[in-house]
Amino acid sequence: MMEYTIFNPDYLVDITGGDMATMEEISGIFGSQIPEFVTEMRQLLGAGKYLELGLLAHKAKGSVTVMGMEETSKMLKEFELLTKTGEQKERYEGFIARFEKDTTTVMAEINDYLSKKR
């Protein structure tokens, strides 16, 4: 059995009432948003649009929260706060890379979880 290192299904089960179709729909939407978030984050970083980058981190934080990604959510909150003040810009790329890594991992974990529930 796969050990879930990032995904915590409790919140997803809670908000869907355990309905498989709804869980699959939410997971599908989440999965389709991820590449868009990563691409846009990199574009905003490259353009030096830090305030917009922070707003996007805030939006992404909402998405990862639904998947029970508590540590990723905390990281995105820190990222959001730093971008609002323009502080520690040298860390921004690392935040984006971690977001990309965590979301790739979580999608594998979500797919594993859903396949076992079918």
Protein backbone atom coordinates (compact mmCIF):
# COMPACT_ATOMS: atom_id res chain seq x y z
CA MET A 1 0.00 0.00 0.00
CA MET A 2 1.24 3.44 -0.91
CA GLU A 3 2.09 5.73 1.98
CA TYR A 4 0.68 9.21 1.49
CA THR A 5 3.41 11.70 2.26
CA ILE A 6 1.54 14.85 1.19
CA PHE A 7 -2.07 13.93 0.47
CA ASN A 8 -4.46 13.80 3.40
CA PRO A 9 -7.79 12.48 2.09
CA ASP A 10 -9.76 13.52 5.18
CA TYR A 11 -10.64 17.02 3.99
CA LEU A 12 -11.58 15.86 0.49
CA VAL A 13 -13.76 13.08 1.91
CA ASP A 14 -15.30 15.54 4.34
CA ILE A 15 -16.27 18.18 1.77
CA THR A 16 -17.60 15.60 -0.70
CA GLY A 17 -19.35 13.41 1.84
CA GLY A 18 -17.23 10.58 0.47
CA ASP A 19 -18.94 10.74 -2.94
CA MET A 20 -16.51 9.16 -5.43
CA ALA A 21 -17.76 11.06 -8.47
CA THR A 22 -17.34 14.39 -6.69
CA MET A 23 -13.90 13.43 -5.36
CA GLU A 24 -12.80 12.44 -8.86
CA GLU A 25 -14.19 15.68 -10.32
CA ILE A 26 -12.43 17.86 -7.74
CA SER A 27 -9.20 15.91 -8.20
CA GLY A 28 -9.45 16.30 -11.98
CA ILE A 29 -9.94 20.05 -11.71
CA PHE A 30 -7.02 20.26 -9.28
CA GLY A 31 -4.81 18.22 -11.63
CA SER A 32 -5.64 20.45 -14.58
CA GLN A 33 -4.91 23.63 -12.59
CA ILE A 34 -1.44 22.60 -11.50
CA PRO A 35 0.44 23.04 -14.81
CA GLU A 36 -1.34 26.38 -15.27
CA PHE A 37 -0.28 27.54 -11.80
CA VAL A 38 3.34 26.50 -12.33
CA THR A 39 3.57 28.12 -15.78
CA GLU A 40 2.00 31.35 -14.59
CA MET A 41 4.17 31.45 -11.46
CA ARG A 42 7.31 31.14 -13.56
CA GLN A 43 6.09 33.83 -15.99
CA LEU A 44 5.26 36.25 -13.18
CA LEU A 45 8.59 35.59 -11.48
CA GLY A 46 10.45 36.18 -14.73
CA ALA A 47 8.57 39.44 -15.27
CA GLY A 48 9.23 40.59 -11.72
CA LYS A 49 5.50 40.83 -11.00
CA TYR A 50 5.79 39.89 -7.35
CA LEU A 51 2.43 41.17 -6.14
CA GLU A 52 0.63 39.14 -8.83
CA LEU A 53 2.83 36.17 -7.94
CA GLY A 54 1.68 36.47 -4.33
CA LEU A 55 -1.95 36.60 -5.40
CA LEU A 56 -1.43 33.45 -7.45
CA ALA A 57 0.28 31.73 -4.50
CA HIS A 58 -2.79 32.63 -2.43
CA LYS A 59 -5.08 31.09 -5.05
CA ALA A 60 -2.92 27.95 -5.25
CA LYS A 61 -3.00 27.71 -1.45
CA GLY A 62 -6.77 27.33 -1.59
CA SER A 63 -6.45 24.49 -4.07
CA VAL A 64 -3.83 22.55 -2.13
CA THR A 65 -5.83 22.93 1.08
CA VAL A 66 -8.69 20.95 -0.47
CA MET A 67 -6.24 18.10 -1.04
CA GLY A 68 -5.14 18.16 2.59
CA MET A 69 -1.66 19.40 1.68
CA GLU A 70 -1.01 21.17 4.98
CA GLU A 71 2.75 21.67 4.64
CA THR A 72 2.44 22.88 1.06
CA SER A 73 -0.30 25.27 2.16
CA LYS A 74 1.95 26.70 4.89
CA MET A 75 4.79 27.08 2.40
CA LEU A 76 2.53 28.92 -0.06
CA LYS A 77 1.37 31.24 2.74
CA GLU A 78 5.00 32.13 3.48
CA PHE A 79 5.62 32.63 -0.26
CA GLU A 80 2.54 34.85 -0.53
CA LEU A 81 3.62 37.03 2.40
CA LEU A 82 7.18 37.42 1.11
CA THR A 83 6.03 38.43 -2.37
CA LYS A 84 3.71 41.10 -0.97
CA THR A 85 6.72 42.82 0.59
CA GLY A 86 9.18 41.86 -2.15
CA GLU A 87 11.45 40.26 0.44
CA GLN A 88 13.86 37.34 -0.04
CA LYS A 89 13.39 37.24 -3.83
CA GLU A 90 16.19 34.68 -4.08
CA ARG A 91 13.85 32.12 -2.47
CA TYR A 92 10.95 32.52 -4.93
CA GLU A 93 12.21 30.00 -7.47
CA GLY A 94 12.60 27.45 -4.68
CA PHE A 95 9.02 27.98 -3.59
CA ILE A 96 7.80 27.38 -7.13
CA ALA A 97 9.98 24.27 -7.51
CA ARG A 98 8.65 22.85 -4.23
CA PHE A 99 5.07 23.59 -5.27
CA GLU A 100 5.68 21.75 -8.55
CA LYS A 101 7.32 18.78 -6.78
CA ASP A 102 4.63 18.55 -4.08
CA THR A 103 1.77 18.71 -6.57
CA THR A 104 3.35 16.05 -8.79
CA THR A 105 3.69 13.79 -5.74
CA VAL A 106 0.18 14.51 -4.52
CA MET A 107 -1.40 13.68 -7.88
CA ALA A 108 0.19 10.21 -7.75
CA GLU A 109 -1.09 9.80 -4.19
CA ILE A 110 -4.60 11.03 -5.08
CA ASN A 111 -4.80 8.71 -8.08
CA ASP A 112 -3.68 5.81 -5.90
CA TYR A 113 -6.28 6.66 -3.25
CA LEU A 114 -9.11 7.00 -5.75
CA SER A 115 -8.18 3.79 -7.58
CA LYS A 116 -8.45 1.88 -4.27
CA LYS A 117 -11.85 3.40 -3.54
CA ARG A 118 -13.41 2.47 -6.90
